[in-house]
Amino acid sequence: PDVSIKDGFVRIDPAAAGLIDDEDGDEPGRAGFDPKGRPRGPKDAGGNR
């Protein structure tokens, strides 16, 4: 991001910030993620969830 405190603005690249969709779509992302196929362990295993 380009920040100028004196002028009072912040400029952000929308593609880098993820505000616009990528034309390619070849990068792995959450679109193909299947949370049901992920092993979670026993319900009483504890831990942060």
PDB file of N, CA and C in Angstrom:
ATOM      1  N   PRO A   1       0.829  -1.208   0.000  1.00  0.00           N
ATOM      2  CA  PRO A   1       0.000   0.000   0.000  1.00  0.00           C
ATOM      3  C   PRO A   1       0.861   1.254   0.000  1.00  0.00           C
ATOM      4  N   ASP A   2       0.335   2.268  -0.616  1.00  0.00           N
ATOM      5  CA  ASP A   2       1.003   3.563  -0.670  1.00  0.00           C
ATOM      6  C   ASP A   2       0.305   4.468   0.334  1.00  0.00           C
ATOM      7  N   VAL A   3       1.024   4.897   1.376  1.00  0.00           N
ATOM      8  CA  VAL A   3       0.425   5.680   2.459  1.00  0.00           C
ATOM      9  C   VAL A   3       1.115   7.029   2.545  1.00  0.00           C
ATOM     10  N   SER A   4       0.317   8.092   2.631  1.00  0.00           N
ATOM     11  CA  SER A   4       0.846   9.434   2.847  1.00  0.00           C
ATOM     12  C   SER A   4       0.080  10.064   3.999  1.00  0.00           C
ATOM     13  N   ILE A   5       0.736  10.193   5.146  1.00  0.00           N
ATOM     14  CA  ILE A   5       0.078  10.776   6.322  1.00  0.00           C
ATOM     15  C   ILE A   5      -0.115  12.273   6.103  1.00  0.00           C
ATOM     16  N   LYS A   6       0.853  12.904   5.455  1.00  0.00           N
ATOM     17  CA  LYS A   6       0.782  14.350   5.237  1.00  0.00           C
ATOM     18  C   LYS A   6      -0.426  14.710   4.367  1.00  0.00           C
ATOM     19  N   ASP A   7      -0.637  13.949   3.294  1.00  0.00           N
ATOM     20  CA  ASP A   7      -1.753  14.226   2.388  1.00  0.00           C
ATOM     21  C   ASP A   7      -3.042  13.563   2.845  1.00  0.00           C
ATOM     22  N   GLY A   8      -2.951  12.571   3.735  1.00  0.00           N
ATOM     23  CA  GLY A   8      -4.148  11.933   4.280  1.00  0.00           C
ATOM     24  C   GLY A   8      -4.789  10.916   3.349  1.00  0.00           C
ATOM     25  N   PHE A   9      -3.999  10.076   2.707  1.00  0.00           N
ATOM     26  CA  PHE A   9      -4.592   9.054   1.843  1.00  0.00           C
ATOM     27  C   PHE A   9      -3.861   7.735   1.986  1.00  0.00           C
ATOM     28  N   VAL A  10      -4.564   6.679   1.617  1.00  0.00           N
ATOM     29  CA  VAL A  10      -3.996   5.336   1.547  1.00  0.00           C
ATOM     30  C   VAL A  10      -4.403   4.754   0.205  1.00  0.00           C
ATOM     31  N   ARG A  11      -3.429   4.300  -0.574  1.00  0.00           N
ATOM     32  CA  ARG A  11      -3.720   3.698  -1.872  1.00  0.00           C
ATOM     33  C   ARG A  11      -3.363   2.219  -1.796  1.00  0.00           C
ATOM     34  N   ILE A  12      -4.313   1.355  -2.148  1.00  0.00           N
ATOM     35  CA  ILE A  12      -4.126  -0.091  -2.071  1.00  0.00           C
ATOM     36  C   ILE A  12      -4.348  -0.697  -3.448  1.00  0.00           C
ATOM     37  N   ASP A  13      -3.479  -1.630  -3.812  1.00  0.00           N
ATOM     38  CA  ASP A  13      -3.642  -2.352  -5.069  1.00  0.00           C
ATOM     39  C   ASP A  13      -4.802  -3.335  -4.906  1.00  0.00           C
ATOM     40  N   PRO A  14      -5.917  -3.168  -5.633  1.00  0.00           N
ATOM     41  CA  PRO A  14      -7.083  -4.032  -5.432  1.00  0.00           C
ATOM     42  C   PRO A  14      -6.819  -5.503  -5.739  1.00  0.00           C
ATOM     43  N   ALA A  15      -5.942  -5.798  -6.688  1.00  0.00           N
ATOM     44  CA  ALA A  15      -5.640  -7.197  -7.005  1.00  0.00           C
ATOM     45  C   ALA A  15      -4.859  -7.839  -5.864  1.00  0.00           C
ATOM     46  N   ALA A  16      -3.902  -7.100  -5.292  1.00  0.00           N
ATOM     47  CA  ALA A  16      -3.103  -7.636  -4.189  1.00  0.00           C
ATOM     48  C   ALA A  16      -3.936  -7.793  -2.923  1.00  0.00           C
ATOM     49  N   ALA A  17      -4.944  -6.944  -2.755  1.00  0.00           N
ATOM     50  CA  ALA A  17      -5.795  -7.013  -1.567  1.00  0.00           C
ATOM     51  C   ALA A  17      -6.892  -8.058  -1.710  1.00  0.00           C
ATOM     52  N   GLY A  18      -7.026  -8.648  -2.904  1.00  0.00           N
ATOM     53  CA  GLY A  18      -8.047  -9.671  -3.118  1.00  0.00           C
ATOM     54  C   GLY A  18      -9.429  -9.095  -3.344  1.00  0.00           C
ATOM     55  N   LEU A  19      -9.497  -7.842  -3.774  1.00  0.00           N
ATOM     56  CA  LEU A  19     -10.790  -7.193  -3.982  1.00  0.00           C
ATOM     57  C   LEU A  19     -11.374  -7.480  -5.357  1.00  0.00           C
ATOM     58  N   ILE A  20     -10.534  -7.910  -6.297  1.00  0.00           N
ATOM     59  CA  ILE A  20     -11.037  -8.259  -7.626  1.00  0.00           C
ATOM     60  C   ILE A  20     -10.677  -9.709  -7.907  1.00  0.00           C
ATOM     61  N   ASP A  21     -11.498 -10.362  -8.697  1.00  0.00           N
ATOM     62  CA  ASP A  21     -11.264 -11.762  -9.030  1.00  0.00           C
ATOM     63  C   ASP A  21     -10.144 -11.876 -10.049  1.00  0.00           C
ATOM     64  N   ASP A  22      -9.371 -12.940  -9.908  1.00  0.00           N
ATOM     65  CA  ASP A  22      -8.288 -13.217 -10.842  1.00  0.00           C
ATOM     66  C   ASP A  22      -8.887 -13.851 -12.095  1.00  0.00           C
ATOM     67  N   GLU A  23      -8.423 -13.421 -13.241  1.00  0.00           N
ATOM     68  CA  GLU A  23      -8.935 -13.947 -14.508  1.00  0.00           C
ATOM     69  C   GLU A  23      -8.561 -15.417 -14.696  1.00  0.00           C
ATOM     70  N   ASP A  24      -7.364 -15.808 -14.205  1.00  0.00           N
ATOM     71  CA  ASP A  24      -6.875 -17.164 -14.435  1.00  0.00           C
ATOM     72  C   ASP A  24      -7.697 -18.192 -13.677  1.00  0.00           C
ATOM     73  N   GLY A  25      -7.757 -18.049 -12.392  1.00  0.00           N
ATOM     74  CA  GLY A  25      -8.457 -19.022 -11.577  1.00  0.00           C
ATOM     75  C   GLY A  25      -7.690 -20.317 -11.403  1.00  0.00           C
ATOM     76  N   ASP A  26      -6.403 -20.328 -11.774  1.00  0.00           N
ATOM     77  CA  ASP A  26      -5.598 -21.544 -11.678  1.00  0.00           C
ATOM     78  C   ASP A  26      -5.013 -21.755 -10.284  1.00  0.00           C
ATOM     79  N   GLU A  27      -4.957 -20.707  -9.479  1.00  0.00           N
ATOM     80  CA  GLU A  27      -4.359 -20.828  -8.157  1.00  0.00           C
ATOM     81  C   GLU A  27      -5.270 -21.621  -7.231  1.00  0.00           C
ATOM     82  N   PRO A  28      -4.679 -22.474  -6.401  1.00  0.00           N
ATOM     83  CA  PRO A  28      -5.519 -23.205  -5.447  1.00  0.00           C
ATOM     84  C   PRO A  28      -6.105 -22.244  -4.425  1.00  0.00           C
ATOM     85  N   GLY A  29      -7.357 -22.450  -4.120  1.00  0.00           N
ATOM     86  CA  GLY A  29      -8.024 -21.570  -3.172  1.00  0.00           C
ATOM     87  C   GLY A  29      -9.073 -22.322  -2.403  1.00  0.00           C
ATOM     88  N   ARG A  30     -10.000 -21.600  -1.834  1.00  0.00           N
ATOM     89  CA  ARG A  30     -11.038 -22.214  -1.028  1.00  0.00           C
ATOM     90  C   ARG A  30     -12.171 -22.766  -1.884  1.00  0.00           C
ATOM     91  N   ALA A  31     -12.175 -22.505  -3.177  1.00  0.00           N
ATOM     92  CA  ALA A  31     -13.270 -22.965  -4.025  1.00  0.00           C
ATOM     93  C   ALA A  31     -13.344 -24.491  -4.061  1.00  0.00           C
ATOM     94  N   GLY A  32     -12.204 -25.178  -4.086  1.00  0.00           N
ATOM     95  CA  GLY A  32     -12.199 -26.625  -4.157  1.00  0.00           C
ATOM     96  C   GLY A  32     -12.029 -27.301  -2.808  1.00  0.00           C
ATOM     97  N   PHE A  33     -12.118 -26.541  -1.726  1.00  0.00           N
ATOM     98  CA  PHE A  33     -11.890 -27.086  -0.385  1.00  0.00           C
ATOM     99  C   PHE A  33     -13.123 -27.833   0.098  1.00  0.00           C
ATOM    100  N   ASP A  34     -12.937 -29.078   0.550  1.00  0.00           N
ATOM    101  CA  ASP A  34     -14.038 -29.887   1.079  1.00  0.00           C
ATOM    102  C   ASP A  34     -13.773 -30.154   2.560  1.00  0.00           C
ATOM    103  N   PRO A  35     -14.417 -29.418   3.470  1.00  0.00           N
ATOM    104  CA  PRO A  35     -14.130 -29.595   4.896  1.00  0.00           C
ATOM    105  C   PRO A  35     -14.597 -30.934   5.445  1.00  0.00           C
ATOM    106  N   LYS A  36     -15.526 -31.602   4.770  1.00  0.00           N
ATOM    107  CA  LYS A  36     -16.036 -32.879   5.268  1.00  0.00           C
ATOM    108  C   LYS A  36     -15.021 -33.997   5.097  1.00  0.00           C
ATOM    109  N   GLY A  37     -14.105 -33.864   4.136  1.00  0.00           N
ATOM    110  CA  GLY A  37     -13.112 -34.894   3.902  1.00  0.00           C
ATOM    111  C   GLY A  37     -11.890 -34.763   4.797  1.00  0.00           C
ATOM    112  N   ARG A  38     -11.896 -33.798   5.689  1.00  0.00           N
ATOM    113  CA  ARG A  38     -10.747 -33.534   6.548  1.00  0.00           C
ATOM    114  C   ARG A  38     -10.900 -34.249   7.884  1.00  0.00           C
ATOM    115  N   PRO A  39      -9.940 -35.072   8.273  1.00  0.00           N
ATOM    116  CA  PRO A  39     -10.063 -35.770   9.558  1.00  0.00           C
ATOM    117  C   PRO A  39      -9.933 -34.800  10.724  1.00  0.00           C
ATOM    118  N   ARG A  40     -10.855 -34.862  11.657  1.00  0.00           N
ATOM    119  CA  ARG A  40     -10.855 -33.948  12.792  1.00  0.00           C
ATOM    120  C   ARG A  40     -10.507 -34.628  14.105  1.00  0.00           C
ATOM    121  N   GLY A  41     -10.557 -35.943  14.177  1.00  0.00           N
ATOM    122  CA  GLY A  41     -10.263 -36.636  15.423  1.00  0.00           C
ATOM    123  C   GLY A  41     -11.520 -36.773  16.267  1.00  0.00           C
ATOM    124  N   PRO A  42     -11.382 -37.384  17.432  1.00  0.00           N
ATOM    125  CA  PRO A  42     -12.546 -37.559  18.297  1.00  0.00           C
ATOM    126  C   PRO A  42     -13.084 -36.221  18.790  1.00  0.00           C
ATOM    127  N   LYS A  43     -14.378 -36.171  19.060  1.00  0.00           N
ATOM    128  CA  LYS A  43     -15.009 -34.926  19.503  1.00  0.00           C
ATOM    129  C   LYS A  43     -14.481 -34.468  20.856  1.00  0.00           C
ATOM    130  N   ASP A  44     -14.040 -35.401  21.694  1.00  0.00           N
ATOM    131  CA  ASP A  44     -13.553 -35.028  23.020  1.00  0.00           C
ATOM    132  C   ASP A  44     -12.028 -34.882  23.053  1.00  0.00           C
ATOM    133  N   ALA A  45     -11.405 -34.635  21.888  1.00  0.00           N
ATOM    134  CA  ALA A  45      -9.950 -34.533  21.819  1.00  0.00           C
ATOM    135  C   ALA A  45      -9.439 -33.219  22.406  1.00  0.00           C
ATOM    136  N   GLY A  46     -10.301 -32.222  22.538  1.00  0.00           N
ATOM    137  CA  GLY A  46      -9.878 -30.935  23.093  1.00  0.00           C
ATOM    138  C   GLY A  46      -9.183 -30.083  22.051  1.00  0.00           C
ATOM    139  N   GLY A  47      -8.437 -29.115  22.505  1.00  0.00           N
ATOM    140  CA  GLY A  47      -7.731 -28.222  21.597  1.00  0.00           C
ATOM    141  C   GLY A  47      -8.562 -27.000  21.258  1.00  0.00           C
ATOM    142  N   ASN A  48      -7.943 -26.073  20.544  1.00  0.00           N
ATOM    143  CA  ASN A  48      -8.637 -24.844  20.145  1.00  0.00           C
ATOM    144  C   ASN A  48      -9.378 -25.076  18.851  1.00  0.00           C
ATOM    145  N   ARG A  49     -10.659 -24.849  18.859  1.00  0.00           N
ATOM    146  CA  ARG A  49     -11.456 -24.956  17.640  1.00  0.00           C
ATOM    147  C   ARG A  49     -12.394 -23.801  17.574  1.00  0.00           C
TER     148      ARG A  49
END
